[in-house]
Amino acid sequence: MLERIYPETTPKPRGPYSPAVRAGDFIFVSGQGPVDPDTNEFSYGDIRHETRVTLRNIQRILESAGASLADVVKCSVFLRDGRDFSEMNAVYQEFFGEAKPARTTVEAKFADPQMKIEIDCIAYRPRNSSSSH
């Protein structure tokens, strides 16, 4: 059974997609960018700022599905400028700590030329899991 997840605490989709979809014990989070959930507008800044905003959005989506960043098994990180890798990586480490999911990072061109980062992820969280993080 598929469950489409539309959290109230995250930015609204800008297209015909779900912020996340739960398929069994897996949660697939759509690509998230630096969008302020309160205004639903982009929150541009340096790569550290945009990475924080993006990962907080992912964190909120996962929490609404009963999961956390510790449940993430795979991330894909898309950077407008590959030279931002080390700064992005420092913020990424703050959020994931020792969890260290598998990851791919690539340089990409975005539809919005001001956006510096987009991240999607896959988490694994059994529905009947009662352990806490």
N, C-alpha and C. Protein backbone atom coordinates (compact mmCIF):
# COMPACT_ATOMS: atom_id res chain seq x y z
N MET A 1 0.83 -1.18 0.00
CA MET A 1 0.00 0.00 0.00
C MET A 1 0.88 1.25 0.00
N LEU A 2 0.53 2.19 -0.84
CA LEU A 2 1.25 3.46 -0.90
C LEU A 2 0.51 4.53 -0.12
N GLU A 3 1.27 5.33 0.59
CA GLU A 3 0.69 6.45 1.34
C GLU A 3 1.41 7.72 0.90
N ARG A 4 0.68 8.65 0.36
CA ARG A 4 1.26 9.92 -0.03
C ARG A 4 1.22 10.86 1.18
N ILE A 5 2.35 11.49 1.45
CA ILE A 5 2.51 12.28 2.66
C ILE A 5 2.59 13.76 2.31
N TYR A 6 1.67 14.54 2.90
CA TYR A 6 1.61 16.00 2.69
C TYR A 6 1.63 16.69 4.05
N PRO A 7 2.80 16.85 4.66
CA PRO A 7 2.87 17.48 5.98
C PRO A 7 2.44 18.94 5.94
N GLU A 8 1.79 19.38 7.00
CA GLU A 8 1.38 20.78 7.11
C GLU A 8 2.56 21.69 7.43
N THR A 9 3.64 21.12 7.97
CA THR A 9 4.77 21.93 8.46
C THR A 9 5.88 22.10 7.43
N THR A 10 5.63 21.74 6.19
CA THR A 10 6.66 21.84 5.16
C THR A 10 6.14 22.62 3.95
N PRO A 11 7.07 23.06 3.09
CA PRO A 11 6.63 23.80 1.91
C PRO A 11 5.68 22.97 1.04
N LYS A 12 4.78 23.66 0.38
CA LYS A 12 3.84 22.98 -0.51
C LYS A 12 4.55 22.64 -1.82
N PRO A 13 4.23 21.50 -2.41
CA PRO A 13 4.87 21.13 -3.69
C PRO A 13 4.63 22.19 -4.76
N ARG A 14 5.63 22.40 -5.59
CA ARG A 14 5.55 23.36 -6.68
C ARG A 14 5.19 22.68 -7.99
N GLY A 15 4.76 21.45 -7.91
CA GLY A 15 4.42 20.69 -9.11
C GLY A 15 3.56 19.49 -8.75
N PRO A 16 3.32 18.63 -9.73
CA PRO A 16 2.46 17.47 -9.52
C PRO A 16 3.21 16.29 -8.89
N TYR A 17 3.58 16.45 -7.63
CA TYR A 17 4.28 15.39 -6.91
C TYR A 17 3.94 15.47 -5.43
N SER A 18 4.21 14.39 -4.71
CA SER A 18 4.01 14.33 -3.26
C SER A 18 5.33 14.67 -2.58
N PRO A 19 5.30 15.38 -1.45
CA PRO A 19 6.54 15.63 -0.73
C PRO A 19 7.23 14.33 -0.33
N ALA A 20 6.43 13.31 -0.02
CA ALA A 20 6.98 11.99 0.31
C ALA A 20 5.93 10.93 0.03
N VAL A 21 6.42 9.73 -0.18
CA VAL A 21 5.55 8.58 -0.37
C VAL A 21 6.10 7.44 0.47
N ARG A 22 5.22 6.85 1.29
CA ARG A 22 5.61 5.67 2.05
C ARG A 22 5.16 4.46 1.25
N ALA A 23 6.10 3.54 1.03
CA ALA A 23 5.83 2.27 0.36
C ALA A 23 6.29 1.18 1.32
N GLY A 24 5.36 0.60 2.03
CA GLY A 24 5.73 -0.39 3.04
C GLY A 24 6.52 0.28 4.15
N ASP A 25 7.73 -0.20 4.39
CA ASP A 25 8.57 0.35 5.45
C ASP A 25 9.55 1.41 4.94
N PHE A 26 9.47 1.74 3.66
CA PHE A 26 10.34 2.75 3.07
C PHE A 26 9.60 4.07 2.87
N ILE A 27 10.32 5.16 3.07
CA ILE A 27 9.77 6.50 2.86
C ILE A 27 10.67 7.19 1.83
N PHE A 28 10.07 7.59 0.73
CA PHE A 28 10.79 8.26 -0.35
C PHE A 28 10.45 9.75 -0.28
N VAL A 29 11.45 10.57 0.01
CA VAL A 29 11.24 12.01 0.13
C VAL A 29 11.66 12.67 -1.18
N SER A 30 10.74 13.42 -1.77
CA SER A 30 11.02 14.14 -3.01
C SER A 30 12.12 15.18 -2.78
N GLY A 31 12.74 15.60 -3.87
CA GLY A 31 13.77 16.62 -3.79
C GLY A 31 13.26 17.86 -3.09
N GLN A 32 14.00 18.29 -2.09
CA GLN A 32 13.66 19.48 -1.32
C GLN A 32 14.72 20.53 -1.54
N GLY A 33 14.29 21.77 -1.56
CA GLY A 33 15.21 22.89 -1.71
C GLY A 33 15.05 23.85 -0.55
N PRO A 34 15.72 24.99 -0.64
CA PRO A 34 15.71 25.96 0.45
C PRO A 34 14.44 26.83 0.45
N VAL A 35 13.32 26.20 0.75
CA VAL A 35 12.04 26.91 0.78
C VAL A 35 11.58 27.04 2.22
N ASP A 36 11.27 28.27 2.62
CA ASP A 36 10.78 28.55 3.97
C ASP A 36 9.36 28.01 4.08
N PRO A 37 9.10 27.08 5.00
CA PRO A 37 7.77 26.50 5.11
C PRO A 37 6.70 27.49 5.58
N ASP A 38 7.12 28.56 6.25
CA ASP A 38 6.14 29.55 6.73
C ASP A 38 5.62 30.44 5.61
N THR A 39 6.49 30.76 4.66
CA THR A 39 6.10 31.67 3.57
C THR A 39 5.90 30.94 2.24
N ASN A 40 6.41 29.71 2.15
CA ASN A 40 6.41 28.91 0.92
C ASN A 40 7.21 29.62 -0.19
N GLU A 41 8.15 30.45 0.22
CA GLU A 41 9.03 31.16 -0.72
C GLU A 41 10.46 30.67 -0.53
N PHE A 42 11.27 30.79 -1.57
CA PHE A 42 12.67 30.41 -1.47
C PHE A 42 13.37 31.27 -0.43
N SER A 43 14.28 30.67 0.31
CA SER A 43 15.11 31.36 1.30
C SER A 43 16.55 31.25 0.82
N TYR A 44 16.93 32.16 -0.07
CA TYR A 44 18.26 32.12 -0.64
C TYR A 44 19.29 32.62 0.36
N GLY A 45 20.50 32.16 0.16
CA GLY A 45 21.62 32.58 1.00
C GLY A 45 22.86 31.82 0.57
N ASP A 46 23.86 31.77 1.43
CA ASP A 46 25.04 31.00 1.07
C ASP A 46 24.70 29.51 1.15
N ILE A 47 25.61 28.66 0.73
CA ILE A 47 25.32 27.22 0.66
C ILE A 47 25.03 26.64 2.04
N ARG A 48 25.67 27.16 3.07
CA ARG A 48 25.39 26.65 4.43
C ARG A 48 23.94 26.93 4.81
N HIS A 49 23.49 28.15 4.57
CA HIS A 49 22.10 28.51 4.89
C HIS A 49 21.13 27.63 4.09
N GLU A 50 21.33 27.54 2.79
CA GLU A 50 20.40 26.78 1.95
C GLU A 50 20.41 25.30 2.31
N THR A 51 21.56 24.76 2.69
CA THR A 51 21.63 23.35 3.10
C THR A 51 20.84 23.14 4.39
N ARG A 52 20.97 24.06 5.34
CA ARG A 52 20.22 23.95 6.61
C ARG A 52 18.71 23.98 6.37
N VAL A 53 18.26 24.94 5.57
CA VAL A 53 16.82 25.06 5.29
C VAL A 53 16.32 23.77 4.62
N THR A 54 17.07 23.28 3.66
CA THR A 54 16.69 22.08 2.92
C THR A 54 16.63 20.87 3.84
N LEU A 55 17.64 20.67 4.67
CA LEU A 55 17.65 19.50 5.56
C LEU A 55 16.58 19.61 6.65
N ARG A 56 16.27 20.81 7.10
CA ARG A 56 15.17 20.97 8.07
C ARG A 56 13.85 20.56 7.43
N ASN A 57 13.66 20.90 6.15
CA ASN A 57 12.43 20.49 5.46
C ASN A 57 12.36 18.97 5.37
N ILE A 58 13.46 18.33 5.04
CA ILE A 58 13.49 16.87 4.98
C ILE A 58 13.20 16.28 6.36
N GLN A 59 13.80 16.86 7.38
CA GLN A 59 13.59 16.40 8.76
C GLN A 59 12.10 16.48 9.13
N ARG A 60 11.45 17.56 8.79
CA ARG A 60 10.02 17.72 9.10
C ARG A 60 9.17 16.69 8.34
N ILE A 61 9.49 16.46 7.10
CA ILE A 61 8.74 15.47 6.31
C ILE A 61 8.89 14.10 6.93
N LEU A 62 10.11 13.73 7.28
CA LEU A 62 10.34 12.42 7.90
C LEU A 62 9.60 12.30 9.23
N GLU A 63 9.65 13.34 10.04
CA GLU A 63 8.95 13.32 11.33
C GLU A 63 7.45 13.13 11.14
N SER A 64 6.89 13.74 10.11
CA SER A 64 5.45 13.59 9.88
C SER A 64 5.11 12.15 9.48
N ALA A 65 6.11 11.42 9.01
CA ALA A 65 5.90 10.01 8.64
C ALA A 65 6.35 9.07 9.76
N GLY A 66 6.68 9.62 10.93
CA GLY A 66 7.09 8.80 12.06
C GLY A 66 8.53 8.34 11.99
N ALA A 67 9.36 9.05 11.24
CA ALA A 67 10.76 8.68 11.07
C ALA A 67 11.65 9.86 11.44
N SER A 68 12.96 9.66 11.31
CA SER A 68 13.92 10.72 11.60
C SER A 68 15.08 10.61 10.63
N LEU A 69 16.00 11.56 10.71
CA LEU A 69 17.18 11.51 9.86
C LEU A 69 18.01 10.26 10.12
N ALA A 70 17.93 9.70 11.32
CA ALA A 70 18.66 8.47 11.64
C ALA A 70 18.16 7.28 10.83
N ASP A 71 16.95 7.39 10.26
CA ASP A 71 16.36 6.31 9.47
C ASP A 71 16.73 6.42 7.98
N VAL A 72 17.41 7.48 7.59
CA VAL A 72 17.74 7.68 6.18
C VAL A 72 18.81 6.69 5.75
N VAL A 73 18.55 5.99 4.65
CA VAL A 73 19.51 5.02 4.12
C VAL A 73 20.23 5.54 2.88
N LYS A 74 19.66 6.53 2.20
CA LYS A 74 20.27 7.04 0.97
C LYS A 74 19.85 8.48 0.74
N CYS A 75 20.82 9.33 0.40
CA CYS A 75 20.56 10.72 0.01
C CYS A 75 21.17 10.97 -1.36
N SER A 76 20.50 11.82 -2.11
CA SER A 76 21.07 12.36 -3.34
C SER A 76 21.13 13.87 -3.15
N VAL A 77 22.31 14.42 -3.32
CA VAL A 77 22.53 15.84 -3.13
C VAL A 77 22.89 16.44 -4.49
N PHE A 78 22.20 17.50 -4.86
CA PHE A 78 22.44 18.18 -6.12
C PHE A 78 22.90 19.60 -5.81
N LEU A 79 24.08 19.96 -6.29
CA LEU A 79 24.65 21.28 -6.05
C LEU A 79 24.73 22.06 -7.35
N ARG A 80 24.38 23.33 -7.30
CA ARG A 80 24.52 24.18 -8.48
C ARG A 80 26.00 24.34 -8.82
N ASP A 81 26.85 24.44 -7.78
CA ASP A 81 28.28 24.65 -7.97
C ASP A 81 29.05 23.61 -7.14
N GLY A 82 29.77 22.75 -7.80
CA GLY A 82 30.52 21.70 -7.11
C GLY A 82 31.53 22.24 -6.12
N ARG A 83 31.94 23.50 -6.29
CA ARG A 83 32.90 24.09 -5.35
C ARG A 83 32.27 24.31 -3.97
N ASP A 84 30.94 24.19 -3.87
CA ASP A 84 30.25 24.33 -2.58
C ASP A 84 30.26 23.03 -1.77
N PHE A 85 30.88 21.99 -2.30
CA PHE A 85 30.80 20.68 -1.66
C PHE A 85 31.25 20.70 -0.20
N SER A 86 32.42 21.25 0.11
CA SER A 86 32.91 21.16 1.49
C SER A 86 32.03 21.92 2.46
N GLU A 87 31.50 23.08 2.05
CA GLU A 87 30.61 23.83 2.93
C GLU A 87 29.28 23.09 3.14
N MET A 88 28.74 22.52 2.07
CA MET A 88 27.51 21.71 2.19
C MET A 88 27.78 20.53 3.10
N ASN A 89 28.91 19.87 2.89
CA ASN A 89 29.25 18.67 3.64
C ASN A 89 29.35 18.94 5.14
N ALA A 90 29.86 20.10 5.52
CA ALA A 90 29.97 20.46 6.94
C ALA A 90 28.59 20.55 7.59
N VAL A 91 27.63 21.17 6.90
CA VAL A 91 26.27 21.27 7.44
C VAL A 91 25.59 19.91 7.43
N TYR A 92 25.78 19.16 6.36
CA TYR A 92 25.22 17.80 6.25
C TYR A 92 25.67 16.96 7.44
N GLN A 93 26.94 17.05 7.81
CA GLN A 93 27.48 16.32 8.95
C GLN A 93 26.79 16.72 10.24
N GLU A 94 26.47 18.01 10.40
CA GLU A 94 25.75 18.48 11.60
C GLU A 94 24.41 17.76 11.74
N PHE A 95 23.72 17.55 10.64
CA PHE A 95 22.39 16.94 10.67
C PHE A 95 22.44 15.42 10.80
N PHE A 96 23.37 14.77 10.12
CA PHE A 96 23.38 13.31 10.09
C PHE A 96 24.33 12.68 11.10
N GLY A 97 25.33 13.41 11.57
CA GLY A 97 26.23 12.88 12.58
C GLY A 97 26.78 11.53 12.21
N GLU A 98 26.60 10.57 13.10
CA GLU A 98 27.12 9.22 12.88
C GLU A 98 26.20 8.35 12.04
N ALA A 99 25.02 8.85 11.68
CA ALA A 99 24.08 8.04 10.89
C ALA A 99 24.68 7.67 9.53
N LYS A 100 25.33 8.60 8.88
CA LYS A 100 26.05 8.40 7.62
C LYS A 100 25.33 7.51 6.60
N PRO A 101 24.22 8.01 6.04
CA PRO A 101 23.55 7.23 5.00
C PRO A 101 24.41 7.18 3.73
N ALA A 102 24.11 6.24 2.85
CA ALA A 102 24.74 6.23 1.54
C ALA A 102 24.38 7.54 0.86
N ARG A 103 25.28 8.03 -0.03
CA ARG A 103 25.02 9.33 -0.63
C ARG A 103 25.65 9.45 -2.01
N THR A 104 24.96 10.18 -2.85
CA THR A 104 25.48 10.61 -4.14
C THR A 104 25.43 12.12 -4.15
N THR A 105 26.49 12.76 -4.62
CA THR A 105 26.49 14.22 -4.75
C THR A 105 26.93 14.57 -6.17
N VAL A 106 26.13 15.36 -6.85
CA VAL A 106 26.45 15.76 -8.22
C VAL A 106 26.21 17.25 -8.40
N GLU A 107 26.88 17.81 -9.38
CA GLU A 107 26.63 19.18 -9.77
C GLU A 107 25.49 19.17 -10.78
N ALA A 108 24.55 20.10 -10.62
CA ALA A 108 23.36 20.09 -11.47
C ALA A 108 22.92 21.51 -11.80
N LYS A 109 22.19 21.63 -12.87
CA LYS A 109 21.58 22.90 -13.25
C LYS A 109 20.12 22.85 -12.81
N PHE A 110 19.67 23.89 -12.12
CA PHE A 110 18.30 23.93 -11.61
C PHE A 110 17.42 24.82 -12.47
N ALA A 111 16.12 24.55 -12.45
CA ALA A 111 15.15 25.40 -13.14
C ALA A 111 15.20 26.81 -12.55
N ASP A 112 15.39 26.92 -11.22
CA ASP A 112 15.55 28.20 -10.56
C ASP A 112 17.05 28.48 -10.47
N PRO A 113 17.58 29.41 -11.24
CA PRO A 113 19.02 29.63 -11.28
C PRO A 113 19.63 30.19 -10.00
N GLN A 114 18.81 30.68 -9.06
CA GLN A 114 19.33 31.18 -7.79
C GLN A 114 19.53 30.07 -6.77
N MET A 115 18.80 28.98 -6.91
CA MET A 115 18.86 27.87 -5.96
C MET A 115 20.23 27.20 -6.02
N LYS A 116 20.80 26.91 -4.85
CA LYS A 116 22.13 26.33 -4.79
C LYS A 116 22.13 24.83 -4.49
N ILE A 117 21.01 24.29 -3.95
CA ILE A 117 21.01 22.90 -3.51
C ILE A 117 19.61 22.29 -3.58
N GLU A 118 19.57 21.00 -3.83
CA GLU A 118 18.35 20.20 -3.70
C GLU A 118 18.79 18.84 -3.18
N ILE A 119 18.01 18.28 -2.27
CA ILE A 119 18.33 16.98 -1.69
C ILE A 119 17.07 16.13 -1.66
N ASP A 120 17.21 14.86 -2.05
CA ASP A 120 16.13 13.89 -1.84
C ASP A 120 16.70 12.75 -1.02
N CYS A 121 15.83 11.92 -0.48
CA CYS A 121 16.34 10.80 0.31
C CYS A 121 15.33 9.65 0.39
N ILE A 122 15.84 8.54 0.84
CA ILE A 122 15.03 7.34 1.10
C ILE A 122 15.32 6.94 2.54
N ALA A 123 14.26 6.72 3.30
CA ALA A 123 14.40 6.28 4.70
C ALA A 123 13.73 4.92 4.86
N TYR A 124 14.19 4.18 5.84
CA TYR A 124 13.61 2.89 6.18
C TYR A 124 13.14 2.96 7.62
N ARG A 125 11.85 2.84 7.81
CA ARG A 125 11.26 2.90 9.16
C ARG A 125 10.07 1.96 9.20
N PRO A 126 10.25 0.76 9.78
CA PRO A 126 9.10 -0.16 9.89
C PRO A 126 7.94 0.52 10.59
N ARG A 127 6.76 0.28 10.08
CA ARG A 127 5.55 0.90 10.66
C ARG A 127 5.33 0.49 12.11
N ASN A 128 5.72 -0.71 12.46
CA ASN A 128 5.47 -1.20 13.81
C ASN A 128 6.67 -0.98 14.73
N SER A 129 7.62 -0.17 14.30
CA SER A 129 8.81 0.08 15.10
C SER A 129 8.46 0.93 16.32
N SER A 130 8.90 0.51 17.48
CA SER A 130 8.61 1.27 18.70
C SER A 130 9.87 1.84 19.31
N SER A 131 11.02 1.63 18.65
CA SER A 131 12.27 2.17 19.20
C SER A 131 12.30 3.67 18.98
N SER A 132 12.99 4.36 19.88
CA SER A 132 13.11 5.81 19.75
C SER A 132 14.52 6.17 19.35
N HIS A 133 14.66 7.38 18.84
CA HIS A 133 15.97 7.85 18.37
C HIS A 133 16.52 8.86 19.34
